[in-house]
Amino acid sequence: MSSSPSGSIALSSAPAGGAARRRRESRADRGVRARKYGVRTIALGYLAFLLLAPVAMIFYRTFEHGLAPVWNAVTAPNAVHAFWLSLEIVAIAVPLNTIFGIGMALLLERGRFKGKALLGMLVDLPFAISPVVIGLALVLAYGKTGWFGDWLTEHGIQVIFSVPGMVLATAIVSLPFVARETMPVLRELGTDSEQAAATLGASSWQTFWRVTLPGIRWGVVYGVVLTTARALGEFGAVSIVSGRIEGETQTLPLYVQARFENFDVTGAYAAAVVLALMAFATLVAMNLLTRRTRGREGRAEPALSRRARRSSKQSDGGAGRTAEVAT
């Protein structure tokens, strides 16, 4: 039996074509992997250059002479006062901005009124204006020679160069975060569940607490974390309205600047490390809370599904017994 030349050519060209195709696919895969790892390398290198290397250098310079100088620096009376004053301002400004942000998010997402776009621009204004400008504006409004200065002086109220002015400056600078993090979640949530609750007779307050707030809680949590981080590190506006009086109106960022200007490098680095650890602790607490809550939700869903299947089986059994009795 003879074989035709064309058949042998076809049989020999088929493996060659498959090998060429595999080589092309292999080169394409290598190109995709190279681009992917190249983008990752650039992103990580950029992040390390801007953030990780400076922070690592601060930690190194802080502890290069041991723990004793660091402990003496962070336990100095002015450092301790600056630490607790920073926490006090955060404890006041963050809840105020949380309440304001949730209400503003509901107003901008659920409300229908003229001037809503202008109101949204006003909420975002602290993103665009320098904190120093905000501090100067507060001085012009609430200082002794400001718009409300005479009235405040007559009533014995001091805003500028005191804690109320520092709280006000911090609250304004960190104002938009909760609102802007909650609004997309509200938009995604929709109004169907709220309308269903209202149809079942729930009041607006009950609908908010039992339907709306549980649905937007993660947006609120992220907004609170961003607000806390921004309030802890605020410098520009607070430096204008505080007067930077040591032991009285000096927050931890202002203390870092004062120590650095006085050539107390160890004190400046130690206070900066404390600030970094506080921000890191906030992020870790938020992540732990997120995982724990989502884990509980994940464990609750199978239990609910088992209960639903059990109730459906019971209803089917009851219907079958009813049919038997009827026959």
C-alpha atoms as a PDB file:
ATOM      1  CA  MET A   1       0.000   0.000   0.000  1.00  0.00           C
ATOM      2  CA  SER A   2       1.523   3.330  -1.091  1.00  0.00           C
ATOM      3  CA  SER A   3       1.230   6.625   0.689  1.00  0.00           C
ATOM      4  CA  SER A   4       0.668   9.845  -1.175  1.00  0.00           C
ATOM      5  CA  PRO A   5       3.153  12.726  -0.786  1.00  0.00           C
ATOM      6  CA  SER A   6       0.367  15.119   0.100  1.00  0.00           C
ATOM      7  CA  GLY A   7      -0.693  12.973   3.065  1.00  0.00           C
ATOM      8  CA  SER A   8       2.835  12.878   4.464  1.00  0.00           C
ATOM      9  CA  ILE A   9       3.172  16.649   4.061  1.00  0.00           C
ATOM     10  CA  ALA A  10      -0.106  17.191   5.933  1.00  0.00           C
ATOM     11  CA  LEU A  11       0.921  14.834   8.733  1.00  0.00           C
ATOM     12  CA  SER A  12       4.322  16.488   9.114  1.00  0.00           C
ATOM     13  CA  SER A  13       2.993  20.045   8.989  1.00  0.00           C
ATOM     14  CA  ALA A  14       0.342  19.484  11.680  1.00  0.00           C
ATOM     15  CA  PRO A  15       2.798  18.990  14.605  1.00  0.00           C
ATOM     16  CA  ALA A  16       4.920  21.846  13.320  1.00  0.00           C
ATOM     17  CA  GLY A  17       1.906  24.168  13.272  1.00  0.00           C
ATOM     18  CA  GLY A  18       0.899  23.100  16.789  1.00  0.00           C
ATOM     19  CA  ALA A  19       4.407  23.719  18.107  1.00  0.00           C
ATOM     20  CA  ALA A  20       4.485  27.177  16.527  1.00  0.00           C
ATOM     21  CA  ARG A  21       1.132  28.011  18.039  1.00  0.00           C
ATOM     22  CA  ARG A  22       2.293  26.862  21.448  1.00  0.00           C
ATOM     23  CA  ARG A  23       5.428  28.982  21.129  1.00  0.00           C
ATOM     24  CA  ARG A  24       3.337  32.033  20.242  1.00  0.00           C
ATOM     25  CA  GLU A  25       1.002  31.410  23.200  1.00  0.00           C
ATOM     26  CA  SER A  26       4.007  30.944  25.483  1.00  0.00           C
ATOM     27  CA  ARG A  27       5.529  34.230  24.319  1.00  0.00           C
ATOM     28  CA  ALA A  28       2.170  35.969  24.792  1.00  0.00           C
ATOM     29  CA  ASP A  29       1.834  34.546  28.322  1.00  0.00           C
ATOM     30  CA  ARG A  30       5.364  35.656  29.174  1.00  0.00           C
ATOM     31  CA  GLY A  31       4.551  39.126  27.880  1.00  0.00           C
ATOM     32  CA  VAL A  32       1.388  39.316  29.979  1.00  0.00           C
ATOM     33  CA  ARG A  33       3.240  38.135  33.087  1.00  0.00           C
ATOM     34  CA  ALA A  34       6.073  40.573  32.448  1.00  0.00           C
ATOM     35  CA  ARG A  35       3.655  43.488  32.136  1.00  0.00           C
ATOM     36  CA  LYS A  36       1.746  42.400  35.243  1.00  0.00           C
ATOM     37  CA  TYR A  37       4.853  42.033  37.398  1.00  0.00           C
ATOM     38  CA  GLY A  38       6.307  45.205  35.922  1.00  0.00           C
ATOM     39  CA  VAL A  39       3.252  47.221  36.950  1.00  0.00           C
ATOM     40  CA  ARG A  40       3.346  45.670  40.423  1.00  0.00           C
ATOM     41  CA  THR A  41       7.039  46.421  40.787  1.00  0.00           C
ATOM     42  CA  ILE A  42       6.551  50.045  39.762  1.00  0.00           C
ATOM     43  CA  ALA A  43       3.581  50.479  42.134  1.00  0.00           C
ATOM     44  CA  LEU A  44       5.365  48.874  45.089  1.00  0.00           C
ATOM     45  CA  GLY A  45       8.565  50.777  44.367  1.00  0.00           C
ATOM     46  CA  TYR A  46       6.673  54.063  44.205  1.00  0.00           C
ATOM     47  CA  LEU A  47       4.912  53.260  47.485  1.00  0.00           C
ATOM     48  CA  ALA A  48       8.178  52.278  49.152  1.00  0.00           C
ATOM     49  CA  PHE A  49       9.900  55.433  47.908  1.00  0.00           C
ATOM     50  CA  LEU A  50       7.143  57.773  49.111  1.00  0.00           C
ATOM     51  CA  LEU A  51       5.951  56.061  52.299  1.00  0.00           C
ATOM     52  CA  LEU A  52       7.777  53.001  53.541  1.00  0.00           C
ATOM     53  CA  ALA A  53      11.340  54.313  53.342  1.00  0.00           C
ATOM     54  CA  PRO A  54      10.667  57.611  55.221  1.00  0.00           C
ATOM     55  CA  VAL A  55       8.613  55.875  57.909  1.00  0.00           C
ATOM     56  CA  ALA A  56      11.251  53.178  58.324  1.00  0.00           C
ATOM     57  CA  MET A  57      13.932  55.864  58.639  1.00  0.00           C
ATOM     58  CA  ILE A  58      11.925  57.614  61.363  1.00  0.00           C
ATOM     59  CA  PHE A  59      11.662  54.363  63.325  1.00  0.00           C
ATOM     60  CA  TYR A  60      15.366  53.707  62.859  1.00  0.00           C
ATOM     61  CA  ARG A  61      16.402  57.174  63.991  1.00  0.00           C
ATOM     62  CA  THR A  62      14.045  56.945  66.965  1.00  0.00           C
ATOM     63  CA  PHE A  63      15.464  53.728  68.398  1.00  0.00           C
ATOM     64  CA  GLU A  64      19.083  53.941  67.232  1.00  0.00           C
ATOM     65  CA  HIS A  65      20.269  55.025  70.717  1.00  0.00           C
ATOM     66  CA  GLY A  66      18.113  52.566  72.645  1.00  0.00           C
ATOM     67  CA  LEU A  67      14.775  52.677  74.433  1.00  0.00           C
ATOM     68  CA  ALA A  68      15.731  54.908  77.362  1.00  0.00           C
ATOM     69  CA  PRO A  69      15.918  58.213  75.416  1.00  0.00           C
ATOM     70  CA  VAL A  70      12.667  57.383  73.651  1.00  0.00           C
ATOM     71  CA  TRP A  71      10.892  56.627  76.923  1.00  0.00           C
ATOM     72  CA  ASN A  72      12.160  59.852  78.472  1.00  0.00           C
ATOM     73  CA  ALA A  73      10.960  61.796  75.427  1.00  0.00           C
ATOM     74  CA  VAL A  74       7.432  60.361  75.310  1.00  0.00           C
ATOM     75  CA  THR A  75       6.919  60.638  79.087  1.00  0.00           C
ATOM     76  CA  ALA A  76       7.905  64.313  79.271  1.00  0.00           C
ATOM     77  CA  PRO A  77       5.041  66.428  80.708  1.00  0.00           C
ATOM     78  CA  ASN A  78       4.523  68.447  77.517  1.00  0.00           C
ATOM     79  CA  ALA A  79       4.538  65.289  75.398  1.00  0.00           C
ATOM     80  CA  VAL A  80       1.963  63.605  77.633  1.00  0.00           C
ATOM     81  CA  HIS A  81      -0.246  66.701  77.572  1.00  0.00           C
ATOM     82  CA  ALA A  82       0.011  66.921  73.772  1.00  0.00           C
ATOM     83  CA  PHE A  83      -0.917  63.231  73.487  1.00  0.00           C
ATOM     84  CA  TRP A  84      -4.035  63.513  75.643  1.00  0.00           C
ATOM     85  CA  LEU A  85      -5.067  66.792  74.032  1.00  0.00           C
ATOM     86  CA  SER A  86      -4.903  65.158  70.599  1.00  0.00           C
ATOM     87  CA  LEU A  87      -7.091  62.296  71.834  1.00  0.00           C
ATOM     88  CA  GLU A  88      -9.525  64.757  73.398  1.00  0.00           C
ATOM     89  CA  ILE A  89      -9.911  66.664  70.137  1.00  0.00           C
ATOM     90  CA  VAL A  90     -10.408  63.429  68.207  1.00  0.00           C
ATOM     91  CA  ALA A  91     -12.977  62.197  70.747  1.00  0.00           C
ATOM     92  CA  ILE A  92     -15.026  65.366  70.200  1.00  0.00           C
ATOM     93  CA  ALA A  93     -14.575  66.017  66.476  1.00  0.00           C
ATOM     94  CA  VAL A  94     -15.048  62.467  65.168  1.00  0.00           C
ATOM     95  CA  PRO A  95     -18.516  61.822  66.724  1.00  0.00           C
ATOM     96  CA  LEU A  96     -19.680  65.269  65.575  1.00  0.00           C
ATOM     97  CA  ASN A  97     -18.540  64.606  62.025  1.00  0.00           C
ATOM     98  CA  THR A  98     -20.031  61.107  62.110  1.00  0.00           C
ATOM     99  CA  ILE A  99     -23.486  62.419  63.009  1.00  0.00           C
ATOM    100  CA  PHE A 100     -23.173  65.249  60.509  1.00  0.00           C
ATOM    101  CA  GLY A 101     -21.866  62.939  57.769  1.00  0.00           C
ATOM    102  CA  ILE A 102     -24.688  60.410  58.102  1.00  0.00           C
ATOM    103  CA  GLY A 103     -27.317  63.152  58.075  1.00  0.00           C
ATOM    104  CA  MET A 104     -25.716  64.933  55.122  1.00  0.00           C
ATOM    105  CA  ALA A 105     -25.414  61.677  53.164  1.00  0.00           C
ATOM    106  CA  LEU A 106     -29.110  60.956  53.703  1.00  0.00           C
ATOM    107  CA  LEU A 107     -29.998  64.501  52.710  1.00  0.00           C
ATOM    108  CA  LEU A 108     -27.939  64.469  49.519  1.00  0.00           C
ATOM    109  CA  GLU A 109     -28.963  60.959  48.444  1.00  0.00           C
ATOM    110  CA  ARG A 110     -32.587  60.817  49.538  1.00  0.00           C
ATOM    111  CA  GLY A 111     -33.544  64.497  49.336  1.00  0.00           C
ATOM    112  CA  ARG A 112     -35.002  66.243  46.303  1.00  0.00           C
ATOM    113  CA  PHE A 113     -34.554  69.997  46.538  1.00  0.00           C
ATOM    114  CA  LYS A 114     -33.027  72.914  44.707  1.00  0.00           C
ATOM    115  CA  GLY A 115     -29.423  73.693  45.472  1.00  0.00           C
ATOM    116  CA  LYS A 116     -28.432  70.103  46.260  1.00  0.00           C
ATOM    117  CA  ALA A 117     -25.413  70.297  43.970  1.00  0.00           C
ATOM    118  CA  LEU A 118     -24.287  73.505  45.685  1.00  0.00           C
ATOM    119  CA  LEU A 119     -24.654  71.856  49.090  1.00  0.00           C
ATOM    120  CA  GLY A 120     -22.532  68.924  47.913  1.00  0.00           C
ATOM    121  CA  MET A 121     -19.851  71.357  46.765  1.00  0.00           C
ATOM    122  CA  LEU A 122     -19.873  73.038  50.177  1.00  0.00           C
ATOM    123  CA  VAL A 123     -19.411  69.669  51.879  1.00  0.00           C
ATOM    124  CA  ASP A 124     -16.384  68.976  49.665  1.00  0.00           C
ATOM    125  CA  LEU A 125     -14.917  72.427  50.233  1.00  0.00           C
ATOM    126  CA  PRO A 126     -12.423  71.305  52.931  1.00  0.00           C
ATOM    127  CA  PHE A 127     -10.885  68.992  50.322  1.00  0.00           C
ATOM    128  CA  ALA A 128     -10.067  71.950  48.086  1.00  0.00           C
ATOM    129  CA  ILE A 129      -9.111  74.673  50.589  1.00  0.00           C
ATOM    130  CA  SER A 130      -5.785  74.649  52.383  1.00  0.00           C
ATOM    131  CA  PRO A 131      -6.061  73.973  56.141  1.00  0.00           C
ATOM    132  CA  VAL A 132      -4.095  77.170  56.763  1.00  0.00           C
ATOM    133  CA  VAL A 133      -6.804  79.158  54.975  1.00  0.00           C
ATOM    134  CA  ILE A 134      -9.423  77.455  57.141  1.00  0.00           C
ATOM    135  CA  GLY A 135      -7.511  78.451  60.264  1.00  0.00           C
ATOM    136  CA  LEU A 136      -7.235  82.071  59.132  1.00  0.00           C
ATOM    137  CA  ALA A 137     -10.959  82.133  58.326  1.00  0.00           C
ATOM    138  CA  LEU A 138     -11.749  80.918  61.843  1.00  0.00           C
ATOM    139  CA  VAL A 139      -9.550  83.646  63.317  1.00  0.00           C
ATOM    140  CA  LEU A 140     -11.356  86.277  61.236  1.00  0.00           C
ATOM    141  CA  ALA A 141     -14.734  84.926  62.341  1.00  0.00           C
ATOM    142  CA  TYR A 142     -14.180  84.063  66.019  1.00  0.00           C
ATOM    143  CA  GLY A 143     -11.118  86.081  67.026  1.00  0.00           C
ATOM    144  CA  LYS A 144     -11.288  89.108  69.310  1.00  0.00           C
ATOM    145  CA  THR A 145     -11.438  91.436  66.309  1.00  0.00           C
ATOM    146  CA  GLY A 146     -13.557  89.054  64.217  1.00  0.00           C
ATOM    147  CA  TRP A 147     -17.214  89.077  63.292  1.00  0.00           C
ATOM    148  CA  PHE A 148     -18.368  87.384  66.501  1.00  0.00           C
ATOM    149  CA  GLY A 149     -15.435  88.503  68.654  1.00  0.00           C
ATOM    150  CA  ASP A 150     -17.264  91.227  70.609  1.00  0.00           C
ATOM    151  CA  TRP A 151     -20.209  88.972  71.434  1.00  0.00           C
ATOM    152  CA  LEU A 152     -17.938  86.101  72.509  1.00  0.00           C
ATOM    153  CA  THR A 153     -15.833  88.430  74.671  1.00  0.00           C
ATOM    154  CA  GLU A 154     -18.919  89.865  76.361  1.00  0.00           C
ATOM    155  CA  HIS A 155     -20.095  86.362  77.274  1.00  0.00           C
ATOM    156  CA  GLY A 156     -16.672  85.163  78.409  1.00  0.00           C
ATOM    157  CA  ILE A 157     -16.254  82.644  75.610  1.00  0.00           C
ATOM    158  CA  GLN A 158     -12.825  82.138  74.066  1.00  0.00           C
ATOM    159  CA  VAL A 159     -12.650  80.176  70.816  1.00  0.00           C
ATOM    160  CA  ILE A 160      -9.361  81.158  69.244  1.00  0.00           C
ATOM    161  CA  PHE A 161      -6.153  80.126  71.069  1.00  0.00           C
ATOM    162  CA  SER A 162      -8.105  77.558  73.075  1.00  0.00           C
ATOM    163  CA  VAL A 163      -9.430  74.019  72.782  1.00  0.00           C
ATOM    164  CA  PRO A 164     -12.847  74.965  71.253  1.00  0.00           C
ATOM    165  CA  GLY A 165     -11.126  76.615  68.304  1.00  0.00           C
ATOM    166  CA  MET A 166      -8.878  73.595  67.826  1.00  0.00           C
ATOM    167  CA  VAL A 167     -11.871  71.255  67.864  1.00  0.00           C
ATOM    168  CA  LEU A 168     -13.681  73.491  65.389  1.00  0.00           C
ATOM    169  CA  ALA A 169     -10.687  73.584  63.034  1.00  0.00           C
ATOM    170  CA  THR A 170     -10.236  69.812  63.212  1.00  0.00           C
ATOM    171  CA  ALA A 171     -13.932  69.185  62.610  1.00  0.00           C
ATOM    172  CA  ILE A 172     -13.984  71.419  59.531  1.00  0.00           C
ATOM    173  CA  VAL A 173     -10.862  69.881  58.005  1.00  0.00           C
ATOM    174  CA  SER A 174     -12.156  66.311  58.476  1.00  0.00           C
ATOM    175  CA  LEU A 175     -15.774  67.160  57.656  1.00  0.00           C
ATOM    176  CA  PRO A 176     -16.412  65.400  54.286  1.00  0.00           C
ATOM    177  CA  PHE A 177     -15.076  61.892  54.935  1.00  0.00           C
ATOM    178  CA  VAL A 178     -18.074  60.188  56.566  1.00  0.00           C
ATOM    179  CA  ALA A 179     -20.540  61.769  54.145  1.00  0.00           C
ATOM    180  CA  ARG A 180     -18.533  60.878  51.046  1.00  0.00           C
ATOM    181  CA  GLU A 181     -17.912  57.294  52.190  1.00  0.00           C
ATOM    182  CA  THR A 182     -21.577  56.759  53.110  1.00  0.00           C
ATOM    183  CA  MET A 183     -23.212  58.228  49.999  1.00  0.00           C
ATOM    184  CA  PRO A 184     -22.156  55.465  47.534  1.00  0.00           C
ATOM    185  CA  VAL A 185     -23.368  52.802  49.979  1.00  0.00           C
ATOM    186  CA  LEU A 186     -26.718  54.569  50.290  1.00  0.00           C
ATOM    187  CA  ARG A 187     -26.965  54.761  46.508  1.00  0.00           C
ATOM    188  CA  GLU A 188     -26.242  51.050  46.181  1.00  0.00           C
ATOM    189  CA  LEU A 189     -28.665  50.172  48.984  1.00  0.00           C
ATOM    190  CA  GLY A 190     -31.629  51.802  47.262  1.00  0.00           C
ATOM    191  CA  THR A 191     -34.963  52.626  48.829  1.00  0.00           C
ATOM    192  CA  ASP A 192     -36.902  49.372  48.420  1.00  0.00           C
ATOM    193  CA  SER A 193     -36.250  48.084  51.940  1.00  0.00           C
ATOM    194  CA  GLU A 194     -37.031  51.483  53.464  1.00  0.00           C
ATOM    195  CA  GLN A 195     -40.306  51.689  51.538  1.00  0.00           C
ATOM    196  CA  ALA A 196     -41.199  48.155  52.628  1.00  0.00           C
ATOM    197  CA  ALA A 197     -40.557  49.074  56.273  1.00  0.00           C
ATOM    198  CA  ALA A 198     -42.730  52.167  55.929  1.00  0.00           C
ATOM    199  CA  THR A 199     -45.489  50.055  54.351  1.00  0.00           C
ATOM    200  CA  LEU A 200     -45.384  47.686  57.325  1.00  0.00           C
ATOM    201  CA  GLY A 201     -45.956  50.619  59.666  1.00  0.00           C
ATOM    202  CA  ALA A 202     -42.420  51.468  60.806  1.00  0.00           C
ATOM    203  CA  SER A 203     -41.734  55.070  61.690  1.00  0.00           C
ATOM    204  CA  SER A 204     -38.915  57.042  60.097  1.00  0.00           C
ATOM    205  CA  TRP A 205     -36.769  56.617  63.210  1.00  0.00           C
ATOM    206  CA  GLN A 206     -37.391  52.855  63.308  1.00  0.00           C
ATOM    207  CA  THR A 207     -36.620  52.575  59.605  1.00  0.00           C
ATOM    208  CA  PHE A 208     -33.347  54.401  60.073  1.00  0.00           C
ATOM    209  CA  TRP A 209     -32.167  52.316  63.041  1.00  0.00           C
ATOM    210  CA  ARG A 210     -33.319  48.909  61.790  1.00  0.00           C
ATOM    211  CA  VAL A 211     -32.989  49.194  58.014  1.00  0.00           C
ATOM    212  CA  THR A 212     -30.866  52.113  56.837  1.00  0.00           C
ATOM    213  CA  LEU A 213     -28.082  52.194  59.434  1.00  0.00           C
ATOM    214  CA  PRO A 214     -27.294  48.440  59.278  1.00  0.00           C
ATOM    215  CA  GLY A 215     -27.095  48.724  55.498  1.00  0.00           C
ATOM    216  CA  ILE A 216     -24.655  51.651  55.486  1.00  0.00           C
ATOM    217  CA  ARG A 217     -22.561  50.685  58.518  1.00  0.00           C
ATOM    218  CA  TRP A 218     -19.445  49.756  56.529  1.00  0.00           C
ATOM    219  CA  GLY A 219     -19.428  53.072  54.725  1.00  0.00           C
ATOM    220  CA  VAL A 220     -19.773  54.815  58.086  1.00  0.00           C
ATOM    221  CA  VAL A 221     -16.939  52.736  59.560  1.00  0.00           C
ATOM    222  CA  TYR A 222     -14.565  53.600  56.726  1.00  0.00           C
ATOM    223  CA  GLY A 223     -15.524  57.250  57.002  1.00  0.00           C
ATOM    224  CA  VAL A 224     -14.880  57.225  60.746  1.00  0.00           C
ATOM    225  CA  VAL A 225     -11.441  55.661  60.216  1.00  0.00           C
ATOM    226  CA  LEU A 226     -10.494  58.306  57.647  1.00  0.00           C
ATOM    227  CA  THR A 227     -11.850  61.070  59.859  1.00  0.00           C
ATOM    228  CA  THR A 228      -9.878  59.777  62.853  1.00  0.00           C
ATOM    229  CA  ALA A 229      -6.644  59.574  60.872  1.00  0.00           C
ATOM    230  CA  ARG A 230      -7.155  63.061  59.466  1.00  0.00           C
ATOM    231  CA  ALA A 231      -7.972  64.517  62.880  1.00  0.00           C
ATOM    232  CA  LEU A 232      -4.949  62.906  64.530  1.00  0.00           C
ATOM    233  CA  GLY A 233      -2.545  64.323  61.973  1.00  0.00           C
ATOM    234  CA  GLU A 234      -4.080  67.770  61.461  1.00  0.00           C
ATOM    235  CA  PHE A 235      -1.477  70.495  61.591  1.00  0.00           C
ATOM    236  CA  GLY A 236      -2.192  73.552  59.419  1.00  0.00           C
ATOM    237  CA  ALA A 237      -5.542  74.807  60.702  1.00  0.00           C
ATOM    238  CA  VAL A 238      -4.804  73.844  64.303  1.00  0.00           C
ATOM    239  CA  SER A 239      -1.449  75.635  64.232  1.00  0.00           C
ATOM    240  CA  ILE A 240      -3.224  78.882  63.303  1.00  0.00           C
ATOM    241  CA  VAL A 241      -6.023  78.789  65.882  1.00  0.00           C
ATOM    242  CA  SER A 242      -4.137  77.201  68.791  1.00  0.00           C
ATOM    243  CA  GLY A 243      -1.306  79.634  69.415  1.00  0.00           C
ATOM    244  CA  ARG A 244       0.960  76.590  69.955  1.00  0.00           C
ATOM    245  CA  ILE A 245       1.324  77.176  73.687  1.00  0.00           C
ATOM    246  CA  GLU A 246       3.315  74.338  75.252  1.00  0.00           C
ATOM    247  CA  GLY A 247       1.401  72.455  77.875  1.00  0.00           C
ATOM    248  CA  GLU A 248      -1.887  74.151  76.955  1.00  0.00           C
ATOM    249  CA  THR A 249      -2.785  74.243  73.253  1.00  0.00           C
ATOM    250  CA  GLN A 250      -0.130  72.041  71.688  1.00  0.00           C
ATOM    251  CA  THR A 251      -1.274  68.849  69.981  1.00  0.00           C
ATOM    252  CA  LEU A 252       1.043  66.002  69.110  1.00  0.00           C
ATOM    253  CA  PRO A 253       1.788  67.175  65.524  1.00  0.00           C
ATOM    254  CA  LEU A 254       2.554  70.663  66.875  1.00  0.00           C
ATOM    255  CA  TYR A 255       4.760  69.090  69.530  1.00  0.00           C
ATOM    256  CA  VAL A 256       6.725  67.275  66.819  1.00  0.00           C
ATOM    257  CA  GLN A 257       7.388  70.565  65.039  1.00  0.00           C
ATOM    258  CA  ALA A 258       8.353  72.343  68.265  1.00  0.00           C
ATOM    259  CA  ARG A 259      10.815  69.614  69.265  1.00  0.00           C
ATOM    260  CA  PHE A 260      12.370  69.565  65.807  1.00  0.00           C
ATOM    261  CA  GLU A 261      12.773  73.335  65.727  1.00  0.00           C
ATOM    262  CA  ASN A 262      14.411  73.211  69.155  1.00  0.00           C
ATOM    263  CA  PHE A 263      16.898  70.594  67.856  1.00  0.00           C
ATOM    264  CA  ASP A 264      15.415  67.896  70.093  1.00  0.00           C
ATOM    265  CA  VAL A 265      15.538  65.284  67.349  1.00  0.00           C
ATOM    266  CA  THR A 266      14.856  62.345  69.651  1.00  0.00           C
ATOM    267  CA  GLY A 267      11.726  63.981  71.062  1.00  0.00           C
ATOM    268  CA  ALA A 268      10.464  64.844  67.583  1.00  0.00           C
ATOM    269  CA  TYR A 269      11.076  61.347  66.240  1.00  0.00           C
ATOM    270  CA  ALA A 270       9.535  59.702  69.310  1.00  0.00           C
ATOM    271  CA  ALA A 271       6.368  61.799  69.057  1.00  0.00           C
ATOM    272  CA  ALA A 272       6.181  61.050  65.316  1.00  0.00           C
ATOM    273  CA  VAL A 273       6.410  57.323  66.056  1.00  0.00           C
ATOM    274  CA  VAL A 274       3.578  57.663  68.583  1.00  0.00           C
ATOM    275  CA  LEU A 275       1.446  59.351  65.923  1.00  0.00           C
ATOM    276  CA  ALA A 276       2.243  56.611  63.412  1.00  0.00           C
ATOM    277  CA  LEU A 277       1.392  53.885  65.925  1.00  0.00           C
ATOM    278  CA  MET A 278      -1.916  55.568  66.749  1.00  0.00           C
ATOM    279  CA  ALA A 279      -2.865  55.668  63.065  1.00  0.00           C
ATOM    280  CA  PHE A 280      -1.776  52.055  62.611  1.00  0.00           C
ATOM    281  CA  ALA A 281      -3.801  50.980  65.651  1.00  0.00           C
ATOM    282  CA  THR A 282      -6.869  52.666  64.174  1.00  0.00           C
ATOM    283  CA  LEU A 283      -6.477  50.735  60.911  1.00  0.00           C
ATOM    284  CA  VAL A 284      -5.893  47.432  62.719  1.00  0.00           C
ATOM    285  CA  ALA A 285      -8.959  47.937  64.929  1.00  0.00           C
ATOM    286  CA  MET A 286     -11.080  48.694  61.870  1.00  0.00           C
ATOM    287  CA  ASN A 287      -9.862  45.558  60.058  1.00  0.00           C
ATOM    288  CA  LEU A 288     -10.442  43.341  63.096  1.00  0.00           C
ATOM    289  CA  LEU A 289     -13.939  44.737  63.557  1.00  0.00           C
ATOM    290  CA  THR A 290     -14.691  44.191  59.871  1.00  0.00           C
ATOM    291  CA  ARG A 291     -13.503  40.569  59.900  1.00  0.00           C
ATOM    292  CA  ARG A 292     -15.317  39.712  63.115  1.00  0.00           C
ATOM    293  CA  THR A 293     -18.604  41.216  61.975  1.00  0.00           C
ATOM    294  CA  ARG A 294     -18.439  39.639  58.533  1.00  0.00           C
ATOM    295  CA  GLY A 295     -17.561  36.317  60.113  1.00  0.00           C
ATOM    296  CA  ARG A 296     -20.657  36.510  62.287  1.00  0.00           C
ATOM    297  CA  GLU A 297     -22.749  37.371  59.250  1.00  0.00           C
ATOM    298  CA  GLY A 298     -21.261  34.440  57.342  1.00  0.00           C
ATOM    299  CA  ARG A 299     -22.086  32.049  60.192  1.00  0.00           C
ATOM    300  CA  ALA A 300     -25.580  33.474  60.527  1.00  0.00           C
ATOM    301  CA  GLU A 301     -26.509  32.953  56.860  1.00  0.00           C
ATOM    302  CA  PRO A 302     -26.248  29.116  56.915  1.00  0.00           C
ATOM    303  CA  ALA A 303     -28.242  29.032  60.152  1.00  0.00           C
ATOM    304  CA  LEU A 304     -30.957  31.141  58.572  1.00  0.00           C
ATOM    305  CA  SER A 305     -31.014  28.923  55.491  1.00  0.00           C
ATOM    306  CA  ARG A 306     -31.314  25.787  57.676  1.00  0.00           C
ATOM    307  CA  ARG A 307     -34.190  27.370  59.569  1.00  0.00           C
ATOM    308  CA  ALA A 308     -35.870  28.268  56.306  1.00  0.00           C
ATOM    309  CA  ARG A 309     -35.518  24.702  54.975  1.00  0.00           C
ATOM    310  CA  ARG A 310     -36.778  23.281  58.255  1.00  0.00           C
ATOM    311  CA  SER A 311     -39.813  25.559  58.242  1.00  0.00           C
ATOM    312  CA  SER A 312     -40.556  24.729  54.595  1.00  0.00           C
ATOM    313  CA  LYS A 313     -40.392  20.996  55.374  1.00  0.00           C
ATOM    314  CA  GLN A 314     -42.715  21.479  58.336  1.00  0.00           C
ATOM    315  CA  SER A 315     -45.153  23.428  56.191  1.00  0.00           C
ATOM    316  CA  ASP A 316     -45.022  20.731  53.488  1.00  0.00           C
ATOM    317  CA  GLY A 317     -45.621  18.018  56.098  1.00  0.00           C
ATOM    318  CA  GLY A 318     -48.512  19.964  57.560  1.00  0.00           C
ATOM    319  CA  ALA A 319     -50.046  20.409  54.134  1.00  0.00           C
ATOM    320  CA  GLY A 320     -49.693  16.657  53.445  1.00  0.00           C
ATOM    321  CA  ARG A 321     -51.389  15.728  56.718  1.00  0.00           C
ATOM    322  CA  THR A 322     -54.172  18.180  55.984  1.00  0.00           C
ATOM    323  CA  ALA A 323     -54.695  16.579  52.601  1.00  0.00           C
ATOM    324  CA  GLU A 324     -54.831  13.079  54.180  1.00  0.00           C
ATOM    325  CA  VAL A 325     -57.410  14.213  56.704  1.00  0.00           C
ATOM    326  CA  ALA A 326     -59.448  15.799  53.941  1.00  0.00           C
ATOM    327  CA  THR A 327     -59.493  12.567  51.919  1.00  0.00           C
END
